[in-house]
Amino acid sequence: MTENDRQTDRRLERAILELLERRGPSATICPSDAARAVYEGDDDGWRALMEPARRAARRLVTAGEVEITQGGRPVSPADARGPIRIRRVG
C-alpha cells in the first residue's frame, strides 16, 4: 500500500464520519456518498473509490464508530453482500 493509498483511506474514513455527523442520529449514507466526497474530478472516477470506501466503512465498524446495514438491519461486514448502508452506532 502506498502513502497515497493510506491518505485516500484516511480521507474516506473522515468523509464517512463527517457525512454522518451532518445527518440525523439514525440516518444512513451509501459508500458512494463518501467516494464522491473524496473524488476530486467532475466525471464518474469516484466509482474507483467504491471498494476503498467499503473497506473504510469496515475499518470504522471494527473501531466501533459505525455499523453497516442491509435492509435496515445491522450486518457483519463479513456477511454483507451487495449494496450496503452505513450509519452511526447508537
C-alpha atoms as a PDB file:
ATOM      1  CA  MET A   1       0.000   0.000   0.000  1.00  0.00           C
ATOM      2  CA  THR A   2       1.392   3.374  -0.999  1.00  0.00           C
ATOM      3  CA  GLU A   3       1.336   6.528   1.089  1.00  0.00           C
ATOM      4  CA  ASN A   4      -1.204   7.925  -1.375  1.00  0.00           C
ATOM      5  CA  ASP A   5      -3.452   4.904  -0.746  1.00  0.00           C
ATOM      6  CA  ARG A   6      -3.163   5.441   3.010  1.00  0.00           C
ATOM      7  CA  GLN A   7      -4.080   9.114   2.613  1.00  0.00           C
ATOM      8  CA  THR A   8      -7.096   8.181   0.497  1.00  0.00           C
ATOM      9  CA  ASP A   9      -8.146   5.625   3.123  1.00  0.00           C
ATOM     10  CA  ARG A  10      -7.965   8.260   5.877  1.00  0.00           C
ATOM     11  CA  ARG A  11      -9.892  10.760   3.731  1.00  0.00           C
ATOM     12  CA  LEU A  12     -12.627   8.194   3.102  1.00  0.00           C
ATOM     13  CA  GLU A  13     -12.909   7.414   6.823  1.00  0.00           C
ATOM     14  CA  ARG A  14     -13.166  11.129   7.630  1.00  0.00           C
ATOM     15  CA  ALA A  15     -15.717  11.654   4.846  1.00  0.00           C
ATOM     16  CA  ILE A  16     -17.913   8.852   6.201  1.00  0.00           C
ATOM     17  CA  LEU A  17     -17.852  10.292   9.725  1.00  0.00           C
ATOM     18  CA  GLU A  18     -18.391  13.872   8.527  1.00  0.00           C
ATOM     19  CA  LEU A  19     -21.307  12.932   6.261  1.00  0.00           C
ATOM     20  CA  LEU A  20     -22.975  11.037   9.112  1.00  0.00           C
ATOM     21  CA  GLU A  21     -22.356  13.907  11.531  1.00  0.00           C
ATOM     22  CA  ARG A  22     -24.365  16.224   9.251  1.00  0.00           C
ATOM     23  CA  ARG A  23     -27.363  13.897   9.262  1.00  0.00           C
ATOM     24  CA  GLY A  24     -29.793  12.744  11.888  1.00  0.00           C
ATOM     25  CA  PRO A  25     -28.740  10.180  14.512  1.00  0.00           C
ATOM     26  CA  SER A  26     -30.311   7.235  12.689  1.00  0.00           C
ATOM     27  CA  ALA A  27     -29.606   8.411   9.117  1.00  0.00           C
ATOM     28  CA  THR A  28     -27.544   6.300   6.769  1.00  0.00           C
ATOM     29  CA  ILE A  29     -25.214   7.006   3.881  1.00  0.00           C
ATOM     30  CA  CYS A  30     -24.087   4.946   0.940  1.00  0.00           C
ATOM     31  CA  PRO A  31     -20.366   4.284   0.437  1.00  0.00           C
ATOM     32  CA  SER A  32     -20.786   6.171  -2.858  1.00  0.00           C
ATOM     33  CA  ASP A  33     -21.505   9.347  -0.853  1.00  0.00           C
ATOM     34  CA  ALA A  34     -18.040   9.119   0.689  1.00  0.00           C
ATOM     35  CA  ALA A  35     -16.423   8.162  -2.625  1.00  0.00           C
ATOM     36  CA  ARG A  36     -17.985  11.198  -4.312  1.00  0.00           C
ATOM     37  CA  ALA A  37     -16.952  13.479  -1.436  1.00  0.00           C
ATOM     38  CA  VAL A  38     -13.310  12.391  -1.715  1.00  0.00           C
ATOM     39  CA  TYR A  39     -13.038  12.239  -5.516  1.00  0.00           C
ATOM     40  CA  GLU A  40     -11.694  15.471  -6.951  1.00  0.00           C
ATOM     41  CA  GLY A  41     -12.947  15.202 -10.545  1.00  0.00           C
ATOM     42  CA  ASP A  42     -16.198  16.005 -12.312  1.00  0.00           C
ATOM     43  CA  ASP A  43     -16.584  12.655 -14.049  1.00  0.00           C
ATOM     44  CA  ASP A  44     -17.520   9.241 -12.677  1.00  0.00           C
ATOM     45  CA  GLY A  45     -13.984   8.470 -11.483  1.00  0.00           C
ATOM     46  CA  TRP A  46     -15.418   8.264  -7.957  1.00  0.00           C
ATOM     47  CA  ARG A  47     -16.530   4.734  -8.860  1.00  0.00           C
ATOM     48  CA  ALA A  48     -12.921   3.563  -8.484  1.00  0.00           C
ATOM     49  CA  LEU A  49     -13.194   4.581  -4.809  1.00  0.00           C
ATOM     50  CA  MET A  50     -16.229   2.392  -4.078  1.00  0.00           C
ATOM     51  CA  GLU A  51     -14.326  -0.629  -2.785  1.00  0.00           C
ATOM     52  CA  PRO A  52     -11.889   1.558  -0.815  1.00  0.00           C
ATOM     53  CA  ALA A  53     -14.961   3.301   0.696  1.00  0.00           C
ATOM     54  CA  ARG A  54     -16.458  -0.061   1.664  1.00  0.00           C
ATOM     55  CA  ARG A  55     -13.120  -1.049   3.252  1.00  0.00           C
ATOM     56  CA  ALA A  56     -13.059   2.280   5.132  1.00  0.00           C
ATOM     57  CA  ALA A  57     -16.550   1.509   6.464  1.00  0.00           C
ATOM     58  CA  ARG A  58     -15.374  -1.935   7.616  1.00  0.00           C
ATOM     59  CA  ARG A  59     -12.443  -0.363   9.469  1.00  0.00           C
ATOM     60  CA  LEU A  60     -14.824   2.072  11.161  1.00  0.00           C
ATOM     61  CA  VAL A  61     -17.044  -0.855  12.181  1.00  0.00           C
ATOM     62  CA  THR A  62     -14.011  -2.504  13.782  1.00  0.00           C
ATOM     63  CA  ALA A  63     -13.266   0.784  15.582  1.00  0.00           C
ATOM     64  CA  GLY A  64     -16.842   0.886  16.920  1.00  0.00           C
ATOM     65  CA  GLU A  65     -17.674   4.139  15.092  1.00  0.00           C
ATOM     66  CA  VAL A  66     -20.297   2.932  12.602  1.00  0.00           C
ATOM     67  CA  GLU A  67     -22.343  -0.081  11.618  1.00  0.00           C
ATOM     68  CA  ILE A  68     -23.085  -1.500   8.207  1.00  0.00           C
ATOM     69  CA  THR A  69     -26.713  -2.198   7.414  1.00  0.00           C
ATOM     70  CA  GLN A  70     -28.659  -4.058   4.771  1.00  0.00           C
ATOM     71  CA  GLY A  71     -32.417  -3.900   4.671  1.00  0.00           C
ATOM     72  CA  GLY A  72     -32.286  -1.511   7.637  1.00  0.00           C
ATOM     73  CA  ARG A  73     -30.655  -4.105   9.903  1.00  0.00           C
ATOM     74  CA  PRO A  74     -27.043  -4.208  11.091  1.00  0.00           C
ATOM     75  CA  VAL A  75     -24.940  -6.881   9.424  1.00  0.00           C
ATOM     76  CA  SER A  76     -21.447  -8.132   9.999  1.00  0.00           C
ATOM     77  CA  PRO A  77     -19.051  -6.701   7.407  1.00  0.00           C
ATOM     78  CA  ALA A  78     -18.000 -10.273   6.662  1.00  0.00           C
ATOM     79  CA  ASP A  79     -21.607 -11.206   5.833  1.00  0.00           C
ATOM     80  CA  ALA A  80     -22.503  -8.111   3.792  1.00  0.00           C
ATOM     81  CA  ARG A  81     -23.121  -8.915   0.139  1.00  0.00           C
ATOM     82  CA  GLY A  82     -24.332  -6.370  -2.365  1.00  0.00           C
ATOM     83  CA  PRO A  83     -25.431  -2.812  -1.560  1.00  0.00           C
ATOM     84  CA  ILE A  84     -24.785  -1.588   1.970  1.00  0.00           C
ATOM     85  CA  ARG A  85     -25.605   1.488   4.012  1.00  0.00           C
ATOM     86  CA  ILE A  86     -23.536   2.993   6.810  1.00  0.00           C
ATOM     87  CA  ARG A  87     -24.840   4.598   9.985  1.00  0.00           C
ATOM     88  CA  ARG A  88     -23.528   5.749  13.317  1.00  0.00           C
ATOM     89  CA  VAL A  89     -23.528   3.285  16.155  1.00  0.00           C
ATOM     90  CA  GLY A  90     -26.293   4.139  18.521  1.00  0.00           C
END
